[in-house]
Amino acid sequence: MQNIIPEHIIEIFKNTFEEYPSITKFKIDKQEVLNKMFLKSKIIWYEDKFNTDGGINNVKILYEYDSTGILVFIKKIKKSEYPLKDDELKKSYMVFILSKINKKNMVEFTLQQLKKTIK
């Protein structure tokens, strides 16, 4: 997981919550669902890249989803990481939920709510 999640993200979690994170990951193709899900979440860290046309791509972002033990790292999928068609790559993201072990039920509930939103 360390090669997919930058080491400093793991360190932020460890320093904030004084333990290593449990990690749940999934792929999502709907940026609008992610935008809605994290509308009120605090951004802790991000990495953007500029396009040649002047637009900005949100490549990586770390949210504080729950201040008592859940951070969410979202990473735009690169072609070298996953065998996807070009049109799928434009809208595909990997989402990593980093949580304290005692937040497992909350993570599962969040995933169920996300599943309902996507359908």
N, C-alpha and C. Protein backbone atom coordinates (compact mmCIF):
# COMPACT_ATOMS: atom_id res chain seq x y z
N MET A 1 0.83 -1.20 0.00
CA MET A 1 0.00 0.00 0.00
C MET A 1 0.87 1.26 0.00
N GLN A 2 2.08 1.17 0.57
CA GLN A 2 2.93 2.33 0.65
C GLN A 2 3.29 2.91 -0.71
N ASN A 3 3.41 2.05 -1.75
CA ASN A 3 3.77 2.59 -3.05
C ASN A 3 2.57 3.28 -3.73
N ILE A 4 1.36 3.01 -3.26
CA ILE A 4 0.17 3.65 -3.82
C ILE A 4 -0.21 4.88 -2.98
N ILE A 5 -0.13 4.74 -1.68
CA ILE A 5 -0.40 5.86 -0.78
C ILE A 5 0.96 6.45 -0.40
N PRO A 6 1.17 7.73 -0.67
CA PRO A 6 2.47 8.33 -0.31
C PRO A 6 2.77 8.15 1.19
N GLU A 7 4.02 7.93 1.49
CA GLU A 7 4.46 7.69 2.87
C GLU A 7 4.05 8.83 3.80
N HIS A 8 4.10 10.07 3.31
CA HIS A 8 3.75 11.19 4.19
C HIS A 8 2.27 11.17 4.59
N ILE A 9 1.42 10.55 3.78
CA ILE A 9 0.00 10.42 4.13
C ILE A 9 -0.14 9.47 5.33
N ILE A 10 0.58 8.37 5.27
CA ILE A 10 0.58 7.41 6.39
C ILE A 10 1.13 8.10 7.64
N GLU A 11 2.18 8.89 7.48
CA GLU A 11 2.78 9.61 8.62
C GLU A 11 1.81 10.63 9.21
N ILE A 12 1.07 11.33 8.35
CA ILE A 12 0.06 12.28 8.85
C ILE A 12 -0.94 11.54 9.71
N PHE A 13 -1.40 10.39 9.24
CA PHE A 13 -2.37 9.61 10.02
C PHE A 13 -1.76 9.18 11.35
N LYS A 14 -0.55 8.61 11.30
CA LYS A 14 0.11 8.14 12.53
C LYS A 14 0.31 9.28 13.53
N ASN A 15 0.74 10.43 13.04
CA ASN A 15 0.98 11.57 13.94
C ASN A 15 -0.32 12.12 14.52
N THR A 16 -1.39 12.06 13.76
CA THR A 16 -2.68 12.60 14.20
C THR A 16 -3.39 11.66 15.18
N PHE A 17 -3.38 10.36 14.87
CA PHE A 17 -4.18 9.41 15.64
C PHE A 17 -3.36 8.41 16.46
N GLU A 18 -2.03 8.54 16.41
CA GLU A 18 -1.10 7.73 17.22
C GLU A 18 -1.23 6.23 17.00
N GLU A 19 -1.56 5.82 15.77
CA GLU A 19 -1.58 4.42 15.39
C GLU A 19 -1.53 4.31 13.88
N TYR A 20 -1.17 3.12 13.39
CA TYR A 20 -1.20 2.89 11.95
C TYR A 20 -2.64 2.77 11.48
N PRO A 21 -2.92 3.20 10.26
CA PRO A 21 -4.30 3.12 9.78
C PRO A 21 -4.69 1.74 9.26
N SER A 22 -5.96 1.42 9.41
CA SER A 22 -6.56 0.33 8.65
C SER A 22 -6.96 0.98 7.34
N ILE A 23 -6.88 0.23 6.23
CA ILE A 23 -7.10 0.85 4.92
C ILE A 23 -8.15 0.08 4.14
N THR A 24 -9.12 0.82 3.63
CA THR A 24 -10.15 0.28 2.73
C THR A 24 -10.00 1.03 1.42
N LYS A 25 -9.95 0.30 0.30
CA LYS A 25 -9.78 1.00 -0.98
C LYS A 25 -10.84 0.56 -1.97
N PHE A 26 -11.17 1.48 -2.88
CA PHE A 26 -12.10 1.17 -3.96
C PHE A 26 -11.89 2.15 -5.10
N LYS A 27 -12.35 1.77 -6.29
CA LYS A 27 -12.28 2.61 -7.48
C LYS A 27 -13.66 3.20 -7.72
N ILE A 28 -13.67 4.46 -8.12
CA ILE A 28 -14.94 5.11 -8.41
C ILE A 28 -14.79 5.93 -9.69
N ASP A 29 -15.85 5.97 -10.48
CA ASP A 29 -15.83 6.65 -11.77
C ASP A 29 -16.71 7.90 -11.79
N LYS A 30 -17.17 8.33 -10.65
CA LYS A 30 -18.10 9.47 -10.61
C LYS A 30 -17.54 10.56 -9.70
N GLN A 31 -16.89 11.54 -10.32
CA GLN A 31 -16.29 12.63 -9.56
C GLN A 31 -17.34 13.43 -8.80
N GLU A 32 -18.53 13.57 -9.38
CA GLU A 32 -19.58 14.35 -8.71
C GLU A 32 -20.00 13.71 -7.39
N VAL A 33 -19.94 12.39 -7.30
CA VAL A 33 -20.26 11.70 -6.05
C VAL A 33 -19.20 12.01 -5.01
N LEU A 34 -17.94 12.00 -5.42
CA LEU A 34 -16.85 12.34 -4.50
C LEU A 34 -16.97 13.79 -4.04
N ASN A 35 -17.27 14.69 -4.97
CA ASN A 35 -17.41 16.11 -4.62
C ASN A 35 -18.50 16.29 -3.56
N LYS A 36 -19.62 15.62 -3.75
CA LYS A 36 -20.73 15.72 -2.80
C LYS A 36 -20.37 15.11 -1.45
N MET A 37 -19.70 13.96 -1.50
CA MET A 37 -19.33 13.24 -0.27
C MET A 37 -18.40 14.06 0.62
N PHE A 38 -17.49 14.83 0.01
CA PHE A 38 -16.49 15.56 0.78
C PHE A 38 -16.70 17.07 0.79
N LEU A 39 -17.89 17.50 0.46
CA LEU A 39 -18.21 18.92 0.40
C LEU A 39 -17.88 19.66 1.70
N LYS A 40 -18.16 19.03 2.83
CA LYS A 40 -17.95 19.69 4.11
C LYS A 40 -16.72 19.18 4.85
N SER A 41 -15.92 18.36 4.18
CA SER A 41 -14.71 17.82 4.80
C SER A 41 -13.54 18.79 4.67
N LYS A 42 -12.67 18.73 5.64
CA LYS A 42 -11.49 19.60 5.66
C LYS A 42 -10.39 19.00 4.79
N ILE A 43 -9.82 19.81 3.89
CA ILE A 43 -8.69 19.36 3.08
C ILE A 43 -7.42 19.51 3.92
N ILE A 44 -6.66 18.42 4.00
CA ILE A 44 -5.42 18.42 4.77
C ILE A 44 -4.21 18.63 3.84
N TRP A 45 -4.28 18.03 2.66
CA TRP A 45 -3.16 18.09 1.72
C TRP A 45 -3.69 17.83 0.31
N TYR A 46 -3.04 18.42 -0.71
CA TYR A 46 -3.43 18.13 -2.08
C TYR A 46 -2.24 18.31 -3.01
N GLU A 47 -2.36 17.72 -4.20
CA GLU A 47 -1.39 17.92 -5.27
C GLU A 47 -2.19 18.12 -6.55
N ASP A 48 -2.01 19.27 -7.18
CA ASP A 48 -2.69 19.58 -8.44
C ASP A 48 -1.66 19.65 -9.56
N LYS A 49 -2.13 19.42 -10.77
CA LYS A 49 -1.28 19.59 -11.95
C LYS A 49 -2.03 20.46 -12.95
N PHE A 50 -1.30 21.35 -13.60
CA PHE A 50 -1.89 22.23 -14.60
C PHE A 50 -1.84 21.56 -15.97
N ASN A 51 -2.93 21.69 -16.72
CA ASN A 51 -2.98 21.22 -18.10
C ASN A 51 -2.34 22.27 -19.00
N THR A 52 -2.01 21.88 -20.22
CA THR A 52 -1.46 22.84 -21.18
C THR A 52 -2.49 23.89 -21.58
N ASP A 53 -3.78 23.56 -21.42
CA ASP A 53 -4.83 24.55 -21.75
C ASP A 53 -5.15 25.46 -20.57
N GLY A 54 -4.41 25.33 -19.48
CA GLY A 54 -4.61 26.21 -18.33
C GLY A 54 -5.54 25.66 -17.27
N GLY A 55 -6.15 24.51 -17.52
CA GLY A 55 -7.03 23.90 -16.53
C GLY A 55 -6.25 23.21 -15.43
N ILE A 56 -6.91 22.95 -14.32
CA ILE A 56 -6.27 22.29 -13.18
C ILE A 56 -6.87 20.91 -13.01
N ASN A 57 -6.00 19.92 -12.84
CA ASN A 57 -6.43 18.56 -12.52
C ASN A 57 -6.14 18.28 -11.06
N ASN A 58 -7.17 17.88 -10.32
CA ASN A 58 -6.95 17.44 -8.94
C ASN A 58 -6.41 16.01 -9.04
N VAL A 59 -5.13 15.84 -8.80
CA VAL A 59 -4.49 14.56 -8.97
C VAL A 59 -4.53 13.75 -7.67
N LYS A 60 -4.24 14.40 -6.55
CA LYS A 60 -4.24 13.73 -5.25
C LYS A 60 -4.79 14.70 -4.21
N ILE A 61 -5.57 14.15 -3.27
CA ILE A 61 -6.13 15.01 -2.22
C ILE A 61 -6.37 14.17 -0.97
N LEU A 62 -6.12 14.76 0.18
CA LEU A 62 -6.34 14.10 1.46
C LEU A 62 -7.35 14.90 2.26
N TYR A 63 -8.44 14.23 2.66
CA TYR A 63 -9.49 14.87 3.45
C TYR A 63 -9.52 14.30 4.87
N GLU A 64 -9.90 15.16 5.81
CA GLU A 64 -10.27 14.69 7.14
C GLU A 64 -11.77 14.44 7.08
N TYR A 65 -12.15 13.19 7.04
CA TYR A 65 -13.58 12.84 6.95
C TYR A 65 -14.22 12.84 8.32
N ASP A 66 -13.49 12.36 9.31
CA ASP A 66 -13.97 12.34 10.69
C ASP A 66 -12.78 12.63 11.60
N SER A 67 -12.86 13.69 12.36
CA SER A 67 -11.73 14.12 13.18
C SER A 67 -11.36 13.14 14.29
N THR A 68 -12.21 12.14 14.52
CA THR A 68 -11.90 11.15 15.56
C THR A 68 -11.24 9.89 15.01
N GLY A 69 -10.93 9.88 13.70
CA GLY A 69 -10.19 8.72 13.21
C GLY A 69 -10.38 8.28 11.79
N ILE A 70 -10.82 9.17 10.87
CA ILE A 70 -10.94 8.76 9.47
C ILE A 70 -10.40 9.85 8.55
N LEU A 71 -9.40 9.47 7.75
CA LEU A 71 -8.90 10.32 6.68
C LEU A 71 -9.19 9.61 5.37
N VAL A 72 -9.37 10.37 4.29
CA VAL A 72 -9.64 9.79 2.99
C VAL A 72 -8.66 10.38 1.98
N PHE A 73 -7.93 9.48 1.33
CA PHE A 73 -6.97 9.87 0.29
C PHE A 73 -7.54 9.48 -1.06
N ILE A 74 -7.63 10.46 -1.97
CA ILE A 74 -8.18 10.21 -3.30
C ILE A 74 -7.09 10.50 -4.31
N LYS A 75 -6.94 9.56 -5.24
CA LYS A 75 -5.87 9.65 -6.23
C LYS A 75 -6.43 9.38 -7.61
N LYS A 76 -6.17 10.29 -8.55
CA LYS A 76 -6.59 10.07 -9.94
C LYS A 76 -5.78 8.90 -10.49
N ILE A 77 -6.45 8.00 -11.17
CA ILE A 77 -5.81 6.80 -11.70
C ILE A 77 -4.98 7.13 -12.93
N LYS A 78 -3.75 6.61 -12.96
CA LYS A 78 -2.87 6.77 -14.11
C LYS A 78 -2.93 5.51 -14.97
N LYS A 79 -2.70 5.69 -16.24
CA LYS A 79 -2.74 4.57 -17.18
C LYS A 79 -1.73 3.48 -16.80
N SER A 80 -0.58 3.87 -16.29
CA SER A 80 0.47 2.91 -15.93
C SER A 80 0.08 2.05 -14.72
N GLU A 81 -0.91 2.50 -13.94
CA GLU A 81 -1.31 1.76 -12.74
C GLU A 81 -2.44 0.77 -12.97
N TYR A 82 -3.34 1.09 -13.89
CA TYR A 82 -4.50 0.25 -14.13
C TYR A 82 -4.78 0.16 -15.63
N PRO A 83 -5.09 -1.03 -16.11
CA PRO A 83 -5.36 -1.19 -17.54
C PRO A 83 -6.78 -0.72 -17.90
N LEU A 84 -6.95 0.58 -18.07
CA LEU A 84 -8.26 1.15 -18.41
C LEU A 84 -8.18 1.85 -19.76
N LYS A 85 -9.31 1.97 -20.41
CA LYS A 85 -9.39 2.72 -21.66
C LYS A 85 -9.23 4.21 -21.35
N ASP A 86 -8.79 4.98 -22.34
CA ASP A 86 -8.54 6.41 -22.14
C ASP A 86 -9.76 7.15 -21.61
N ASP A 87 -10.96 6.84 -22.12
CA ASP A 87 -12.16 7.55 -21.67
C ASP A 87 -12.50 7.19 -20.22
N GLU A 88 -12.14 5.98 -19.77
CA GLU A 88 -12.36 5.59 -18.37
C GLU A 88 -11.37 6.29 -17.45
N LEU A 89 -10.14 6.50 -17.93
CA LEU A 89 -9.11 7.14 -17.12
C LEU A 89 -9.46 8.58 -16.77
N LYS A 90 -10.15 9.27 -17.65
CA LYS A 90 -10.48 10.68 -17.42
C LYS A 90 -11.32 10.89 -16.18
N LYS A 91 -12.07 9.87 -15.78
CA LYS A 91 -12.99 10.04 -14.65
C LYS A 91 -12.81 9.01 -13.55
N SER A 92 -11.70 8.30 -13.55
CA SER A 92 -11.50 7.23 -12.58
C SER A 92 -10.58 7.66 -11.44
N TYR A 93 -11.01 7.33 -10.24
CA TYR A 93 -10.25 7.67 -9.04
C TYR A 93 -10.14 6.44 -8.13
N MET A 94 -9.01 6.34 -7.44
CA MET A 94 -8.87 5.35 -6.37
C MET A 94 -9.10 6.10 -5.07
N VAL A 95 -9.91 5.52 -4.22
CA VAL A 95 -10.22 6.13 -2.93
C VAL A 95 -9.70 5.20 -1.85
N PHE A 96 -8.93 5.75 -0.92
CA PHE A 96 -8.38 4.99 0.19
C PHE A 96 -8.92 5.59 1.49
N ILE A 97 -9.65 4.81 2.23
CA ILE A 97 -10.15 5.26 3.53
C ILE A 97 -9.18 4.75 4.59
N LEU A 98 -8.53 5.66 5.26
CA LEU A 98 -7.59 5.33 6.33
C LEU A 98 -8.32 5.57 7.64
N SER A 99 -8.40 4.55 8.46
CA SER A 99 -9.20 4.69 9.68
C SER A 99 -8.57 3.99 10.87
N LYS A 100 -8.96 4.46 12.04
CA LYS A 100 -8.61 3.75 13.27
C LYS A 100 -9.45 2.48 13.30
N ILE A 101 -8.95 1.47 13.96
CA ILE A 101 -9.64 0.18 13.98
C ILE A 101 -11.05 0.31 14.58
N ASN A 102 -11.22 1.20 15.54
CA ASN A 102 -12.53 1.33 16.18
C ASN A 102 -13.54 2.10 15.31
N LYS A 103 -13.14 2.50 14.11
CA LYS A 103 -14.03 3.20 13.18
C LYS A 103 -14.53 2.29 12.05
N LYS A 104 -14.28 1.00 12.17
CA LYS A 104 -14.66 0.03 11.13
C LYS A 104 -16.15 0.11 10.79
N ASN A 105 -17.01 0.18 11.78
CA ASN A 105 -18.46 0.25 11.52
C ASN A 105 -18.84 1.52 10.77
N MET A 106 -18.20 2.62 11.12
CA MET A 106 -18.49 3.89 10.45
C MET A 106 -18.02 3.83 8.98
N VAL A 107 -16.88 3.21 8.74
CA VAL A 107 -16.38 3.06 7.37
C VAL A 107 -17.35 2.21 6.56
N GLU A 108 -17.80 1.10 7.13
CA GLU A 108 -18.74 0.22 6.44
C GLU A 108 -20.06 0.94 6.14
N PHE A 109 -20.54 1.73 7.10
CA PHE A 109 -21.76 2.50 6.90
C PHE A 109 -21.57 3.51 5.75
N THR A 110 -20.43 4.20 5.75
CA THR A 110 -20.13 5.18 4.71
C THR A 110 -20.10 4.51 3.34
N LEU A 111 -19.51 3.32 3.26
CA LEU A 111 -19.45 2.60 1.99
C LEU A 111 -20.84 2.20 1.51
N GLN A 112 -21.71 1.80 2.44
CA GLN A 112 -23.09 1.45 2.08
C GLN A 112 -23.83 2.68 1.55
N GLN A 113 -23.64 3.82 2.19
CA GLN A 113 -24.27 5.06 1.73
C GLN A 113 -23.74 5.46 0.35
N LEU A 114 -22.46 5.28 0.14
CA LEU A 114 -21.85 5.59 -1.14
C LEU A 114 -22.41 4.69 -2.24
N LYS A 115 -22.59 3.42 -1.92
CA LYS A 115 -23.14 2.46 -2.87
C LYS A 115 -24.54 2.89 -3.32
N LYS A 116 -25.35 3.36 -2.37
CA LYS A 116 -26.71 3.82 -2.68
C LYS A 116 -26.67 5.06 -3.57
N THR A 117 -25.72 5.94 -3.32
CA THR A 117 -25.60 7.18 -4.09
C THR A 117 -25.20 6.90 -5.53
N ILE A 118 -24.35 5.92 -5.74
CA ILE A 118 -23.84 5.60 -7.08
C ILE A 118 -24.91 4.97 -7.95
N LYS A 119 -25.81 4.18 -7.36
CA LYS A 119 -26.84 3.48 -8.15
C LYS A 119 -27.85 4.40 -8.76
